[in-house]
Amino acid sequence: MSTHAVPSEAAETYRRYLSAVMLHGHAGAKACELGATDLYALNVLDLGGPMTPGELGARTGLTTGPTTRLVDRLEAAGYVRRSPSPNDRRKVIVEPVGKPAGLDEVMAPARQRIGEILSGYTPQQLEVLFDYFTRATDAYREAAEQLRDSRNA
């Protein structure tokens, strides 16, 4: 694997990108009358499927108390339900059952614009981009786990 130095302009560009993604997430959540963590948790459930509150907490970076309050809010709003685990009736599974009204409408402009940007890339360039996204996802998850584990040690 190559270990090229990243020019500072590239690092700044990447940081601007991440900030813009986070800003859009916060704005999208607010437009749907949700907190950013609530919308993020719904995305985690949509991508990961039903999971225990503990798994949801680990994936969102929340501790037990805030995770319980998060699930309570999402359940009261009709976005998730708690069900007994089919494998262990003592455990509870949080499963998505709905999404905020207007979420697709709120996200459509950014999705459309990103689609337009991606359509300007060749198939080979897209392959590199999505390889990066896949590998960077794993790297960020691993780094988050290491940070969480080092704090709990």
Protein backbone atom coordinates (compact mmCIF):
# COMPACT_ATOMS: atom_id res chain seq x y z
CA MET A 1 0.00 0.00 0.00
CA SER A 2 1.29 3.44 -0.92
CA THR A 3 1.90 6.00 1.81
CA HIS A 4 1.81 9.27 -0.08
CA ALA A 5 1.78 12.46 1.93
CA VAL A 6 -1.53 14.31 1.63
CA PRO A 7 -1.10 17.98 0.78
CA SER A 8 -2.60 20.32 3.37
CA GLU A 9 -5.04 21.67 0.74
CA ALA A 10 -6.40 18.15 0.26
CA ALA A 11 -6.83 17.69 4.00
CA GLU A 12 -8.63 21.03 4.26
CA THR A 13 -10.86 20.15 1.31
CA TYR A 14 -11.74 16.85 2.95
CA ARG A 15 -12.50 18.56 6.27
CA ARG A 16 -14.76 21.05 4.45
CA TYR A 17 -16.54 18.11 2.80
CA LEU A 18 -17.12 16.35 6.14
CA SER A 19 -18.36 19.61 7.70
CA ALA A 20 -20.79 20.15 4.82
CA VAL A 21 -22.13 16.60 5.15
CA MET A 22 -22.65 17.10 8.89
CA LEU A 23 -24.29 20.49 8.33
CA HIS A 24 -26.67 18.96 5.80
CA GLY A 25 -27.52 16.16 8.22
CA HIS A 26 -28.34 18.65 10.96
CA ALA A 27 -30.40 20.81 8.58
CA GLY A 28 -32.25 17.75 7.25
CA ALA A 29 -33.05 16.58 10.76
CA LYS A 30 -34.30 20.03 11.77
CA ALA A 31 -36.46 20.23 8.63
CA CYS A 32 -38.06 16.92 9.69
CA GLU A 33 -38.46 18.20 13.26
CA LEU A 34 -35.91 15.74 14.62
CA GLY A 35 -32.63 16.04 16.40
CA ALA A 36 -29.54 15.16 14.38
CA THR A 37 -28.87 12.11 16.58
CA ASP A 38 -32.44 10.89 16.05
CA LEU A 39 -32.10 11.09 12.27
CA TYR A 40 -28.67 9.49 12.45
CA ALA A 41 -30.07 6.61 14.53
CA LEU A 42 -32.87 6.08 12.02
CA ASN A 43 -30.25 5.88 9.28
CA VAL A 44 -28.24 3.36 11.32
CA LEU A 45 -31.37 1.22 11.77
CA ASP A 46 -32.31 1.56 8.10
CA LEU A 47 -28.85 0.40 7.02
CA GLY A 48 -28.26 -2.19 9.76
CA GLY A 49 -31.75 -3.53 10.34
CA PRO A 50 -33.25 -4.40 13.72
CA MET A 51 -30.76 -4.44 16.59
CA THR A 52 -30.62 -4.36 20.35
CA PRO A 53 -30.54 -0.98 22.10
CA GLY A 54 -26.94 -1.79 23.08
CA GLU A 55 -25.95 -2.27 19.44
CA LEU A 56 -27.73 0.94 18.48
CA GLY A 57 -25.94 2.77 21.26
CA ALA A 58 -22.57 1.42 20.13
CA ARG A 59 -23.23 2.41 16.52
CA THR A 60 -24.38 5.91 17.44
CA GLY A 61 -21.77 6.46 20.14
CA LEU A 62 -24.34 6.86 22.92
CA THR A 63 -24.23 5.42 26.40
CA THR A 64 -27.12 3.44 27.90
CA GLY A 65 -29.20 6.33 29.32
CA PRO A 66 -29.15 8.53 26.19
CA THR A 67 -29.83 5.45 24.02
CA THR A 68 -32.92 4.62 26.08
CA ARG A 69 -34.19 8.20 25.74
CA LEU A 70 -33.43 8.12 21.98
CA VAL A 71 -35.42 4.91 21.49
CA ASP A 72 -38.25 6.33 23.65
CA ARG A 73 -38.44 9.44 21.41
CA LEU A 74 -38.33 7.44 18.19
CA GLU A 75 -40.93 5.00 19.47
CA ALA A 76 -43.26 7.81 20.61
CA ALA A 77 -42.93 9.40 17.17
CA GLY A 78 -43.83 6.09 15.49
CA TYR A 79 -40.47 5.48 13.78
CA VAL A 80 -39.37 2.39 15.72
CA ARG A 81 -40.84 -0.31 17.92
CA ARG A 82 -39.39 -2.49 20.61
CA SER A 83 -39.96 -6.21 20.13
CA PRO A 84 -38.80 -9.27 22.02
CA SER A 85 -35.72 -10.81 20.42
CA PRO A 86 -36.63 -13.99 18.50
CA ASN A 87 -33.39 -15.58 19.76
CA ASP A 88 -33.57 -14.51 23.41
CA ARG A 89 -36.92 -13.40 24.84
CA ARG A 90 -35.10 -11.54 27.64
CA LYS A 91 -33.63 -9.14 25.07
CA VAL A 92 -35.37 -6.35 23.23
CA ILE A 93 -34.87 -5.53 19.57
CA VAL A 94 -35.38 -2.04 18.15
CA GLU A 95 -36.77 -2.19 14.65
CA PRO A 96 -37.58 0.60 12.22
CA VAL A 97 -41.26 0.87 11.30
CA GLY A 98 -41.47 4.27 9.65
CA LYS A 99 -39.58 7.32 8.57
CA PRO A 100 -40.24 11.00 9.05
CA ALA A 101 -42.80 12.47 6.71
CA GLY A 102 -41.03 14.65 4.20
CA LEU A 103 -37.60 13.05 4.69
CA ASP A 104 -37.29 12.07 1.04
CA GLU A 105 -38.43 15.55 0.01
CA VAL A 106 -35.90 17.18 2.34
CA MET A 107 -33.04 15.00 1.09
CA ALA A 108 -34.01 15.08 -2.61
CA PRO A 109 -32.13 18.28 -3.61
CA ALA A 110 -28.79 17.05 -2.23
CA ARG A 111 -29.32 13.55 -3.60
CA GLN A 112 -30.13 14.98 -7.03
CA ARG A 113 -27.09 17.26 -7.01
CA ILE A 114 -24.78 14.47 -5.87
CA GLY A 115 -26.25 12.24 -8.60
CA GLU A 116 -25.44 14.93 -11.17
CA ILE A 117 -21.87 15.19 -9.88
CA LEU A 118 -21.40 11.41 -9.96
CA SER A 119 -22.77 11.20 -13.50
CA GLY A 120 -19.76 13.25 -14.61
CA TYR A 121 -17.31 10.52 -13.58
CA THR A 122 -16.22 7.57 -15.69
CA PRO A 123 -17.06 4.04 -14.51
CA GLN A 124 -13.40 3.61 -13.52
CA GLN A 125 -13.43 6.83 -11.48
CA LEU A 126 -16.65 5.76 -9.78
CA GLU A 127 -15.07 2.42 -8.93
CA VAL A 128 -12.21 4.25 -7.20
CA LEU A 129 -14.59 6.61 -5.39
CA PHE A 130 -16.76 3.82 -4.04
CA ASP A 131 -13.73 1.72 -3.13
CA TYR A 132 -12.54 4.70 -1.11
CA PHE A 133 -15.95 5.16 0.57
CA THR A 134 -16.06 1.47 1.51
CA ARG A 135 -12.53 1.40 2.88
CA ALA A 136 -12.88 4.77 4.65
CA THR A 137 -16.10 3.57 6.30
CA ASP A 138 -14.23 0.63 7.78
CA ALA A 139 -11.32 2.85 8.86
CA TYR A 140 -13.61 5.35 10.63
CA ARG A 141 -15.57 2.56 12.35
CA GLU A 142 -12.38 0.92 13.57
CA ALA A 143 -11.00 4.24 14.80
CA ALA A 144 -14.27 4.99 16.64
CA GLU A 145 -14.15 1.56 18.29
CA GLN A 146 -10.55 2.13 19.35
CA LEU A 147 -11.45 5.52 20.84
CA ARG A 148 -14.42 4.04 22.66
CA ASP A 149 -12.38 1.06 23.93
CA SER A 150 -9.50 3.28 25.12
CA ARG A 151 -11.92 5.46 27.11
CA ASN A 152 -13.51 2.37 28.68
CA ALA A 153 -10.16 0.79 29.60
